[in-house]
Amino acid sequence: MLPAGGRMDSGEVPEAGHGARDGAIRAARKPVLIILHQEHSTPGHVGHLLQARGHRLDVRRPRYGDPLPDTLAGHAGTVILGGPMSANDTDDYVQREIGLVALALREEAPFLGICLGAQMMALCLGAKVAPDPSGHVEIGYHAITPQPAATIGGAWPSLCYQWHSEGFGLPSGAEALALAPGPFPNQALRYGPAAFGLQFHPEITYAMAARWSGRNEHRLGLPGATPRNQQLADHVSHGPNVRRWLARFLEEWLFLDPNAEKTPQESRICKSATLQV
């Protein structure tokens, strides 16, 4: 578990509501399962916002031997984040994570895949995950086009941070939430009542963008990558808008857990969110 109390950047949304009962409900909230792929990776703004809502983070790294649960009934939601590996890899931990996606889909539990996590979701549902044949990547802020079905979280951002060399096809039965021109057209999808995949990285913080671009300068010359200084300047310009949307998205996404106890104010928001589903 990660400790609570991480600093919230400006633009993040604090919890609403008052009273002893509301506080007790938040204290009893189930943890959110967070899957990371490197020793020093963090969930960024996803973690900050979930902690601000009173959820503990059950952080696991299957790559380093952490077990995965047999049911998700004890978690408010599951998030699989990105990593340098491929969803096509045959490593045992990759297969176990794809099995976790299948479990979330069977239980209709809230699931969010980001970058690699979205590709695992697409692969689990029978779609292809592959690099661009011409060697293009998406690194830095790139444009996406939200689709009419992209209502969760309100108005979606049109520029988002990317760091990937593979993309995914749209599985049968899935709904496209965001598209993009170029070699990676599928940018967000939804399957069933509570499973979402995002090719882009809404969790990115300034420190993360600086670290990724600073440690991987050899990748910044690839077609589709933006220079490091532009990435950081774009993050200052566009990051706050993405972060505000992410706060709203996570709030509504968590409401898709039918067993979660909610404060009266949250119940009103929940009814509104359900109408958009």
C-alpha atoms as a PDB file:
ATOM      1  CA  MET A   1       0.000   0.000   0.000  1.00  0.00           C
ATOM      2  CA  LEU A   2       1.166   3.534  -0.647  1.00  0.00           C
ATOM      3  CA  PRO A   3       0.775   5.933   2.281  1.00  0.00           C
ATOM      4  CA  ALA A   4      -1.968   8.542   2.057  1.00  0.00           C
ATOM      5  CA  GLY A   5      -1.267  12.238   2.184  1.00  0.00           C
ATOM      6  CA  GLY A   6       0.474  12.801  -1.143  1.00  0.00           C
ATOM      7  CA  ARG A   7       0.571  16.451  -2.190  1.00  0.00           C
ATOM      8  CA  MET A   8      -2.167  17.561  -4.551  1.00  0.00           C
ATOM      9  CA  ASP A   9      -1.147  19.843  -7.396  1.00  0.00           C
ATOM     10  CA  SER A  10      -3.307  22.856  -8.226  1.00  0.00           C
ATOM     11  CA  GLY A  11      -6.343  21.922 -10.252  1.00  0.00           C
ATOM     12  CA  GLU A  12      -7.042  18.704  -8.353  1.00  0.00           C
ATOM     13  CA  VAL A  13     -10.456  18.455  -6.795  1.00  0.00           C
ATOM     14  CA  PRO A  14     -10.878  17.940  -3.034  1.00  0.00           C
ATOM     15  CA  GLU A  15     -13.697  15.840  -1.675  1.00  0.00           C
ATOM     16  CA  ALA A  16     -17.064  17.438  -1.070  1.00  0.00           C
ATOM     17  CA  GLY A  17     -19.462  16.867   1.806  1.00  0.00           C
ATOM     18  CA  HIS A  18     -19.302  17.192   5.586  1.00  0.00           C
ATOM     19  CA  GLY A  19     -20.349  15.373   8.738  1.00  0.00           C
ATOM     20  CA  ALA A  20     -19.387  12.332  10.751  1.00  0.00           C
ATOM     21  CA  ARG A  21     -21.358   9.941   8.538  1.00  0.00           C
ATOM     22  CA  ASP A  22     -19.641  11.178   5.371  1.00  0.00           C
ATOM     23  CA  GLY A  23     -16.272  10.813   7.075  1.00  0.00           C
ATOM     24  CA  ALA A  24     -17.085   7.272   8.158  1.00  0.00           C
ATOM     25  CA  ILE A  25     -18.105   6.338   4.625  1.00  0.00           C
ATOM     26  CA  ARG A  26     -14.817   7.644   3.256  1.00  0.00           C
ATOM     27  CA  ALA A  27     -12.825   5.862   5.946  1.00  0.00           C
ATOM     28  CA  ALA A  28     -14.528   2.586   5.004  1.00  0.00           C
ATOM     29  CA  ARG A  29     -13.928   2.941   1.281  1.00  0.00           C
ATOM     30  CA  LYS A  30     -12.367   0.009  -0.474  1.00  0.00           C
ATOM     31  CA  PRO A  31      -8.824   0.361  -1.833  1.00  0.00           C
ATOM     32  CA  VAL A  32      -8.079   0.737  -5.531  1.00  0.00           C
ATOM     33  CA  LEU A  33      -5.775  -1.894  -7.047  1.00  0.00           C
ATOM     34  CA  ILE A  34      -2.858  -0.227  -8.873  1.00  0.00           C
ATOM     35  CA  ILE A  35      -0.626  -2.283 -11.190  1.00  0.00           C
ATOM     36  CA  LEU A  36       2.830  -0.833 -11.925  1.00  0.00           C
ATOM     37  CA  HIS A  37       5.649  -2.249 -14.047  1.00  0.00           C
ATOM     38  CA  GLN A  38       8.899  -0.746 -12.806  1.00  0.00           C
ATOM     39  CA  GLU A  39      10.442  -0.562  -9.343  1.00  0.00           C
ATOM     40  CA  HIS A  40      10.203   3.201  -9.011  1.00  0.00           C
ATOM     41  CA  SER A  41       7.063   3.872 -11.071  1.00  0.00           C
ATOM     42  CA  THR A  42       4.204   5.817  -9.490  1.00  0.00           C
ATOM     43  CA  PRO A  43       0.541   6.272 -10.463  1.00  0.00           C
ATOM     44  CA  GLY A  44       1.009  10.050 -10.685  1.00  0.00           C
ATOM     45  CA  HIS A  45      -2.158  12.120 -10.622  1.00  0.00           C
ATOM     46  CA  VAL A  46      -4.332   8.997 -10.673  1.00  0.00           C
ATOM     47  CA  GLY A  47      -2.907   8.099  -7.278  1.00  0.00           C
ATOM     48  CA  HIS A  48      -3.139  11.654  -5.922  1.00  0.00           C
ATOM     49  CA  LEU A  49      -6.795  11.987  -6.904  1.00  0.00           C
ATOM     50  CA  LEU A  50      -7.849   8.583  -5.614  1.00  0.00           C
ATOM     51  CA  GLN A  51      -6.169   9.253  -2.268  1.00  0.00           C
ATOM     52  CA  ALA A  52      -7.880  12.643  -2.105  1.00  0.00           C
ATOM     53  CA  ARG A  53     -11.201  10.797  -2.373  1.00  0.00           C
ATOM     54  CA  GLY A  54     -10.308   8.621   0.595  1.00  0.00           C
ATOM     55  CA  HIS A  55      -9.177   5.465  -1.224  1.00  0.00           C
ATOM     56  CA  ARG A  56      -6.064   3.585  -0.187  1.00  0.00           C
ATOM     57  CA  LEU A  57      -3.825   2.429  -3.027  1.00  0.00           C
ATOM     58  CA  ASP A  58      -3.130  -1.302  -3.160  1.00  0.00           C
ATOM     59  CA  VAL A  59       0.020  -1.070  -5.290  1.00  0.00           C
ATOM     60  CA  ARG A  60       1.291  -4.303  -6.802  1.00  0.00           C
ATOM     61  CA  ARG A  61       4.104  -5.054  -9.219  1.00  0.00           C
ATOM     62  CA  PRO A  62       3.507  -8.546 -10.684  1.00  0.00           C
ATOM     63  CA  ARG A  63       6.740  -8.193 -12.664  1.00  0.00           C
ATOM     64  CA  TYR A  64       8.579  -8.475  -9.349  1.00  0.00           C
ATOM     65  CA  GLY A  65       6.506 -11.321  -7.937  1.00  0.00           C
ATOM     66  CA  ASP A  66       3.522  -9.598  -6.333  1.00  0.00           C
ATOM     67  CA  PRO A  67       0.401 -11.788  -6.377  1.00  0.00           C
ATOM     68  CA  LEU A  68      -2.904 -10.763  -7.918  1.00  0.00           C
ATOM     69  CA  PRO A  69      -6.330 -11.221  -6.312  1.00  0.00           C
ATOM     70  CA  ASP A  70      -8.762 -13.985  -7.279  1.00  0.00           C
ATOM     71  CA  THR A  71     -11.697 -11.563  -7.117  1.00  0.00           C
ATOM     72  CA  LEU A  72     -12.024  -7.795  -7.286  1.00  0.00           C
ATOM     73  CA  ALA A  73     -14.923  -7.625  -4.855  1.00  0.00           C
ATOM     74  CA  GLY A  74     -12.583  -6.177  -2.221  1.00  0.00           C
ATOM     75  CA  HIS A  75     -11.453  -3.299  -4.443  1.00  0.00           C
ATOM     76  CA  ALA A  76     -13.265  -0.168  -5.601  1.00  0.00           C
ATOM     77  CA  GLY A  77     -11.527  -0.396  -8.974  1.00  0.00           C
ATOM     78  CA  THR A  78      -8.429  -1.610 -10.814  1.00  0.00           C
ATOM     79  CA  VAL A  79      -5.900   0.466 -12.759  1.00  0.00           C
ATOM     80  CA  ILE A  80      -3.155  -1.051 -14.934  1.00  0.00           C
ATOM     81  CA  LEU A  81      -0.656   1.605 -15.979  1.00  0.00           C
ATOM     82  CA  GLY A  82       2.044   1.703 -18.636  1.00  0.00           C
ATOM     83  CA  GLY A  83       5.467   0.142 -18.962  1.00  0.00           C
ATOM     84  CA  PRO A  84       8.277  -0.627 -21.421  1.00  0.00           C
ATOM     85  CA  MET A  85       7.053  -4.151 -22.188  1.00  0.00           C
ATOM     86  CA  SER A  86       4.484  -5.252 -24.780  1.00  0.00           C
ATOM     87  CA  ALA A  87       1.048  -6.739 -24.218  1.00  0.00           C
ATOM     88  CA  ASN A  88       2.200  -9.387 -26.727  1.00  0.00           C
ATOM     89  CA  ASP A  89       5.038 -10.580 -24.479  1.00  0.00           C
ATOM     90  CA  THR A  90       4.776 -14.151 -23.240  1.00  0.00           C
ATOM     91  CA  ASP A  91       6.202 -13.462 -19.767  1.00  0.00           C
ATOM     92  CA  ASP A  92       4.163 -15.027 -16.982  1.00  0.00           C
ATOM     93  CA  TYR A  93       3.422 -11.715 -15.265  1.00  0.00           C
ATOM     94  CA  VAL A  94       2.087 -10.208 -18.525  1.00  0.00           C
ATOM     95  CA  GLN A  95      -0.245 -13.156 -18.962  1.00  0.00           C
ATOM     96  CA  ARG A  96      -1.380 -12.860 -15.343  1.00  0.00           C
ATOM     97  CA  GLU A  97      -2.166  -9.188 -15.847  1.00  0.00           C
ATOM     98  CA  ILE A  98      -4.205  -9.953 -18.962  1.00  0.00           C
ATOM     99  CA  GLY A  99      -5.990 -12.529 -16.811  1.00  0.00           C
ATOM    100  CA  LEU A 100      -6.702  -9.733 -14.314  1.00  0.00           C
ATOM    101  CA  VAL A 101      -8.311  -7.725 -17.114  1.00  0.00           C
ATOM    102  CA  ALA A 102     -10.486 -10.721 -17.963  1.00  0.00           C
ATOM    103  CA  LEU A 103     -11.476 -11.018 -14.296  1.00  0.00           C
ATOM    104  CA  ALA A 104     -12.528  -7.365 -14.164  1.00  0.00           C
ATOM    105  CA  LEU A 105     -14.592  -7.807 -17.320  1.00  0.00           C
ATOM    106  CA  ARG A 106     -16.310 -10.933 -15.965  1.00  0.00           C
ATOM    107  CA  GLU A 107     -17.143  -9.248 -12.670  1.00  0.00           C
ATOM    108  CA  GLU A 108     -18.089  -5.972 -14.417  1.00  0.00           C
ATOM    109  CA  ALA A 109     -15.841  -4.238 -11.885  1.00  0.00           C
ATOM    110  CA  PRO A 110     -14.467  -0.738 -12.588  1.00  0.00           C
ATOM    111  CA  PHE A 111     -11.310  -1.163 -14.684  1.00  0.00           C
ATOM    112  CA  LEU A 112      -9.015   1.458 -16.194  1.00  0.00           C
ATOM    113  CA  GLY A 113      -6.134   0.593 -18.500  1.00  0.00           C
ATOM    114  CA  ILE A 114      -3.624   3.316 -19.346  1.00  0.00           C
ATOM    115  CA  CYS A 115      -1.267   2.861 -22.327  1.00  0.00           C
ATOM    116  CA  LEU A 116       0.020  -0.714 -21.810  1.00  0.00           C
ATOM    117  CA  GLY A 117      -3.041  -1.387 -19.655  1.00  0.00           C
ATOM    118  CA  ALA A 118      -5.347  -0.298 -22.484  1.00  0.00           C
ATOM    119  CA  GLN A 119      -3.431  -2.497 -24.918  1.00  0.00           C
ATOM    120  CA  MET A 120      -3.810  -5.456 -22.544  1.00  0.00           C
ATOM    121  CA  MET A 121      -7.538  -4.782 -22.407  1.00  0.00           C
ATOM    122  CA  ALA A 122      -7.813  -4.653 -26.204  1.00  0.00           C
ATOM    123  CA  LEU A 123      -5.752  -7.841 -26.577  1.00  0.00           C
ATOM    124  CA  CYS A 124      -7.861  -9.606 -23.950  1.00  0.00           C
ATOM    125  CA  LEU A 125     -10.940  -8.717 -26.019  1.00  0.00           C
ATOM    126  CA  GLY A 126      -9.450 -10.156 -29.225  1.00  0.00           C
ATOM    127  CA  ALA A 127      -8.019  -7.047 -30.899  1.00  0.00           C
ATOM    128  CA  LYS A 128      -4.523  -6.705 -32.333  1.00  0.00           C
ATOM    129  CA  VAL A 129      -1.734  -4.811 -30.574  1.00  0.00           C
ATOM    130  CA  ALA A 130       1.171  -3.848 -32.832  1.00  0.00           C
ATOM    131  CA  PRO A 131       3.765  -1.164 -33.611  1.00  0.00           C
ATOM    132  CA  ASP A 132       3.435   1.170 -36.568  1.00  0.00           C
ATOM    133  CA  PRO A 133       5.036  -0.568 -39.605  1.00  0.00           C
ATOM    134  CA  SER A 134       6.880   2.651 -40.491  1.00  0.00           C
ATOM    135  CA  GLY A 135       8.385   3.017 -37.036  1.00  0.00           C
ATOM    136  CA  HIS A 136       6.343   6.019 -35.925  1.00  0.00           C
ATOM    137  CA  VAL A 137       5.740   6.638 -32.229  1.00  0.00           C
ATOM    138  CA  GLU A 138       3.681   9.080 -30.181  1.00  0.00           C
ATOM    139  CA  ILE A 139       5.787  10.869 -27.575  1.00  0.00           C
ATOM    140  CA  GLY A 140       4.768  14.191 -26.078  1.00  0.00           C
ATOM    141  CA  TYR A 141       1.458  16.013 -26.347  1.00  0.00           C
ATOM    142  CA  HIS A 142      -0.618  14.905 -29.343  1.00  0.00           C
ATOM    143  CA  ALA A 143      -4.133  15.711 -30.481  1.00  0.00           C
ATOM    144  CA  ILE A 144      -7.052  13.351 -29.929  1.00  0.00           C
ATOM    145  CA  THR A 145     -10.647  13.700 -31.091  1.00  0.00           C
ATOM    146  CA  PRO A 146     -13.230  12.769 -28.443  1.00  0.00           C
ATOM    147  CA  GLN A 147     -16.229  10.937 -29.876  1.00  0.00           C
ATOM    148  CA  PRO A 148     -19.916  11.519 -29.026  1.00  0.00           C
ATOM    149  CA  ALA A 149     -19.865   8.545 -26.636  1.00  0.00           C
ATOM    150  CA  ALA A 150     -17.101  10.174 -24.556  1.00  0.00           C
ATOM    151  CA  THR A 151     -19.360  11.666 -21.894  1.00  0.00           C
ATOM    152  CA  ILE A 152     -17.793  10.315 -18.698  1.00  0.00           C
ATOM    153  CA  GLY A 153     -15.916  13.110 -16.973  1.00  0.00           C
ATOM    154  CA  GLY A 154     -17.574  15.818 -19.034  1.00  0.00           C
ATOM    155  CA  ALA A 155     -15.729  17.532 -21.880  1.00  0.00           C
ATOM    156  CA  TRP A 156     -12.613  15.518 -22.780  1.00  0.00           C
ATOM    157  CA  PRO A 157      -9.252  17.187 -23.449  1.00  0.00           C
ATOM    158  CA  SER A 158      -8.131  17.459 -27.066  1.00  0.00           C
ATOM    159  CA  LEU A 159      -4.365  17.368 -26.342  1.00  0.00           C
ATOM    160  CA  CYS A 160      -2.916  14.594 -24.175  1.00  0.00           C
ATOM    161  CA  TYR A 161       0.519  13.293 -23.227  1.00  0.00           C
ATOM    162  CA  GLN A 162       1.646  10.163 -25.063  1.00  0.00           C
ATOM    163  CA  TRP A 163       4.557   7.762 -24.750  1.00  0.00           C
ATOM    164  CA  HIS A 164       4.117   4.609 -26.826  1.00  0.00           C
ATOM    165  CA  SER A 165       5.319   2.786 -29.925  1.00  0.00           C
ATOM    166  CA  GLU A 166       2.427   0.309 -30.184  1.00  0.00           C
ATOM    167  CA  GLY A 167      -1.281   0.803 -30.659  1.00  0.00           C
ATOM    168  CA  PHE A 168      -4.423  -1.293 -30.447  1.00  0.00           C
ATOM    169  CA  GLY A 169      -7.329  -2.150 -32.690  1.00  0.00           C
ATOM    170  CA  LEU A 170     -10.922  -1.625 -31.588  1.00  0.00           C
ATOM    171  CA  PRO A 171     -12.292  -4.921 -30.249  1.00  0.00           C
ATOM    172  CA  SER A 172     -15.660  -6.239 -31.341  1.00  0.00           C
ATOM    173  CA  GLY A 173     -18.332  -4.938 -28.984  1.00  0.00           C
ATOM    174  CA  ALA A 174     -16.187  -2.072 -27.698  1.00  0.00           C
ATOM    175  CA  GLU A 175     -17.082   1.591 -28.086  1.00  0.00           C
ATOM    176  CA  ALA A 176     -14.565   4.128 -29.397  1.00  0.00           C
ATOM    177  CA  LEU A 177     -14.346   7.140 -27.088  1.00  0.00           C
ATOM    178  CA  ALA A 178     -11.462   9.001 -28.742  1.00  0.00           C
ATOM    179  CA  LEU A 179      -9.707   8.770 -32.096  1.00  0.00           C
ATOM    180  CA  ALA A 180      -6.665  10.430 -33.654  1.00  0.00           C
ATOM    181  CA  PRO A 181      -5.203  10.936 -37.112  1.00  0.00           C
ATOM    182  CA  GLY A 182      -2.009   9.137 -37.999  1.00  0.00           C
ATOM    183  CA  PRO A 183      -0.661   5.693 -37.193  1.00  0.00           C
ATOM    184  CA  PHE A 184      -2.510   5.196 -33.870  1.00  0.00           C
ATOM    185  CA  PRO A 185      -6.175   5.964 -34.527  1.00  0.00           C
ATOM    186  CA  ASN A 186      -7.656   4.329 -31.415  1.00  0.00           C
ATOM    187  CA  GLN A 187      -7.031   6.474 -28.358  1.00  0.00           C
ATOM    188  CA  ALA A 188      -9.766   5.444 -25.896  1.00  0.00           C
ATOM    189  CA  LEU A 189     -12.349   2.701 -25.640  1.00  0.00           C
ATOM    190  CA  ARG A 190     -15.066   1.430 -23.366  1.00  0.00           C
ATOM    191  CA  TYR A 191     -16.318  -2.122 -22.981  1.00  0.00           C
ATOM    192  CA  GLY A 192     -19.335  -3.048 -20.917  1.00  0.00           C
ATOM    193  CA  PRO A 193     -20.509  -0.938 -18.020  1.00  0.00           C
ATOM    194  CA  ALA A 194     -17.226  -0.127 -16.287  1.00  0.00           C
ATOM    195  CA  ALA A 195     -14.089  -0.961 -18.321  1.00  0.00           C
ATOM    196  CA  PHE A 196     -12.100   1.825 -19.999  1.00  0.00           C
ATOM    197  CA  GLY A 197      -8.820   1.935 -21.905  1.00  0.00           C
ATOM    198  CA  LEU A 198      -6.801   5.102 -22.583  1.00  0.00           C
ATOM    199  CA  GLN A 199      -3.827   5.065 -24.940  1.00  0.00           C
ATOM    200  CA  PHE A 200      -2.657   8.424 -23.564  1.00  0.00           C
ATOM    201  CA  HIS A 201      -1.258   9.241 -20.102  1.00  0.00           C
ATOM    202  CA  PRO A 202      -3.597  11.477 -18.067  1.00  0.00           C
ATOM    203  CA  GLU A 203      -1.701  10.536 -14.889  1.00  0.00           C
ATOM    204  CA  ILE A 204       1.474  12.303 -16.012  1.00  0.00           C
ATOM    205  CA  THR A 205       2.960  14.917 -13.683  1.00  0.00           C
ATOM    206  CA  TYR A 206       5.576  17.507 -14.602  1.00  0.00           C
ATOM    207  CA  ALA A 207       8.201  15.496 -12.701  1.00  0.00           C
ATOM    208  CA  MET A 208       7.254  12.329 -14.580  1.00  0.00           C
ATOM    209  CA  ALA A 209       7.399  14.081 -17.960  1.00  0.00           C
ATOM    210  CA  ALA A 210      10.799  15.512 -17.073  1.00  0.00           C
ATOM    211  CA  ARG A 211      12.093  12.113 -15.937  1.00  0.00           C
ATOM    212  CA  TRP A 212      10.777  10.138 -18.923  1.00  0.00           C
ATOM    213  CA  SER A 213      12.059  12.634 -21.491  1.00  0.00           C
ATOM    214  CA  GLY A 214      15.365  13.130 -19.666  1.00  0.00           C
ATOM    215  CA  ARG A 215      16.185   9.427 -19.383  1.00  0.00           C
ATOM    216  CA  ASN A 216      15.111   8.450 -22.898  1.00  0.00           C
ATOM    217  CA  GLU A 217      16.633  11.121 -25.103  1.00  0.00           C
ATOM    218  CA  HIS A 218      17.564   8.469 -27.689  1.00  0.00           C
ATOM    219  CA  ARG A 219      13.832   8.027 -28.382  1.00  0.00           C
ATOM    220  CA  LEU A 220      13.163  11.699 -28.994  1.00  0.00           C
ATOM    221  CA  GLY A 221      14.588  11.532 -32.503  1.00  0.00           C
ATOM    222  CA  LEU A 222      11.994   8.989 -33.631  1.00  0.00           C
ATOM    223  CA  PRO A 223       9.230  10.118 -35.996  1.00  0.00           C
ATOM    224  CA  GLY A 224       6.286  11.280 -33.907  1.00  0.00           C
ATOM    225  CA  ALA A 225       8.341  12.360 -30.870  1.00  0.00           C
ATOM    226  CA  THR A 226       8.481  15.981 -29.758  1.00  0.00           C
ATOM    227  CA  PRO A 227      11.622  17.591 -28.258  1.00  0.00           C
ATOM    228  CA  ARG A 228      12.017  17.525 -24.497  1.00  0.00           C
ATOM    229  CA  ASN A 229      11.673  21.280 -24.023  1.00  0.00           C
ATOM    230  CA  GLN A 230       8.451  21.274 -26.039  1.00  0.00           C
ATOM    231  CA  GLN A 231       7.059  18.387 -23.978  1.00  0.00           C
ATOM    232  CA  LEU A 232       7.624  20.273 -20.739  1.00  0.00           C
ATOM    233  CA  ALA A 233       6.255  23.545 -22.101  1.00  0.00           C
ATOM    234  CA  ASP A 234       3.190  21.724 -23.459  1.00  0.00           C
ATOM    235  CA  HIS A 235       2.660  20.105 -20.079  1.00  0.00           C
ATOM    236  CA  VAL A 236       2.562  23.490 -18.384  1.00  0.00           C
ATOM    237  CA  SER A 237       0.014  24.662 -20.962  1.00  0.00           C
ATOM    238  CA  HIS A 238      -2.180  21.586 -21.298  1.00  0.00           C
ATOM    239  CA  GLY A 239      -1.555  19.454 -18.212  1.00  0.00           C
ATOM    240  CA  PRO A 240      -3.956  21.350 -15.901  1.00  0.00           C
ATOM    241  CA  ASN A 241      -6.885  20.817 -18.298  1.00  0.00           C
ATOM    242  CA  VAL A 242      -6.159  17.087 -18.534  1.00  0.00           C
ATOM    243  CA  ARG A 243      -5.849  16.865 -14.753  1.00  0.00           C
ATOM    244  CA  ARG A 244      -9.219  18.561 -14.189  1.00  0.00           C
ATOM    245  CA  TRP A 245     -10.843  16.142 -16.616  1.00  0.00           C
ATOM    246  CA  LEU A 246      -9.122  13.189 -14.933  1.00  0.00           C
ATOM    247  CA  ALA A 247     -10.563  14.225 -11.560  1.00  0.00           C
ATOM    248  CA  ARG A 248     -14.079  14.215 -12.980  1.00  0.00           C
ATOM    249  CA  PHE A 249     -13.468  10.968 -14.895  1.00  0.00           C
ATOM    250  CA  LEU A 250     -12.242   9.088 -11.832  1.00  0.00           C
ATOM    251  CA  GLU A 251     -15.139  10.342  -9.733  1.00  0.00           C
ATOM    252  CA  GLU A 252     -17.709   9.003 -12.199  1.00  0.00           C
ATOM    253  CA  TRP A 253     -15.694   5.837 -12.889  1.00  0.00           C
ATOM    254  CA  LEU A 254     -15.689   4.916  -9.205  1.00  0.00           C
ATOM    255  CA  PHE A 255     -19.466   5.351  -9.115  1.00  0.00           C
ATOM    256  CA  LEU A 256     -19.725   2.459 -11.577  1.00  0.00           C
ATOM    257  CA  ASP A 257     -18.990   0.107  -8.649  1.00  0.00           C
ATOM    258  CA  PRO A 258     -22.575  -0.818  -7.667  1.00  0.00           C
ATOM    259  CA  ASN A 259     -21.513  -1.945  -4.184  1.00  0.00           C
ATOM    260  CA  ALA A 260     -19.784   1.274  -3.139  1.00  0.00           C
ATOM    261  CA  GLU A 261     -21.422   3.161  -0.273  1.00  0.00           C
ATOM    262  CA  LYS A 262     -21.764   6.845  -1.092  1.00  0.00           C
ATOM    263  CA  THR A 263     -22.445  10.078   0.730  1.00  0.00           C
ATOM    264  CA  PRO A 264     -25.772  11.803  -0.095  1.00  0.00           C
ATOM    265  CA  GLN A 265     -24.050  14.325  -2.357  1.00  0.00           C
ATOM    266  CA  GLU A 266     -22.139  11.582  -4.150  1.00  0.00           C
ATOM    267  CA  SER A 267     -25.369   9.631  -4.659  1.00  0.00           C
ATOM    268  CA  ARG A 268     -26.790  12.603  -6.532  1.00  0.00           C
ATOM    269  CA  ILE A 269     -23.680  12.758  -8.717  1.00  0.00           C
ATOM    270  CA  CYS A 270     -23.892   8.988  -9.203  1.00  0.00           C
ATOM    271  CA  LYS A 271     -27.432   9.246 -10.600  1.00  0.00           C
ATOM    272  CA  SER A 272     -26.257  11.918 -13.049  1.00  0.00           C
ATOM    273  CA  ALA A 273     -23.263   9.817 -14.113  1.00  0.00           C
ATOM    274  CA  THR A 274     -25.436   6.751 -14.633  1.00  0.00           C
ATOM    275  CA  LEU A 275     -27.665   8.689 -16.992  1.00  0.00           C
ATOM    276  CA  GLN A 276     -24.642   9.263 -19.233  1.00  0.00           C
ATOM    277  CA  VAL A 277     -23.677   5.574 -19.385  1.00  0.00           C
END
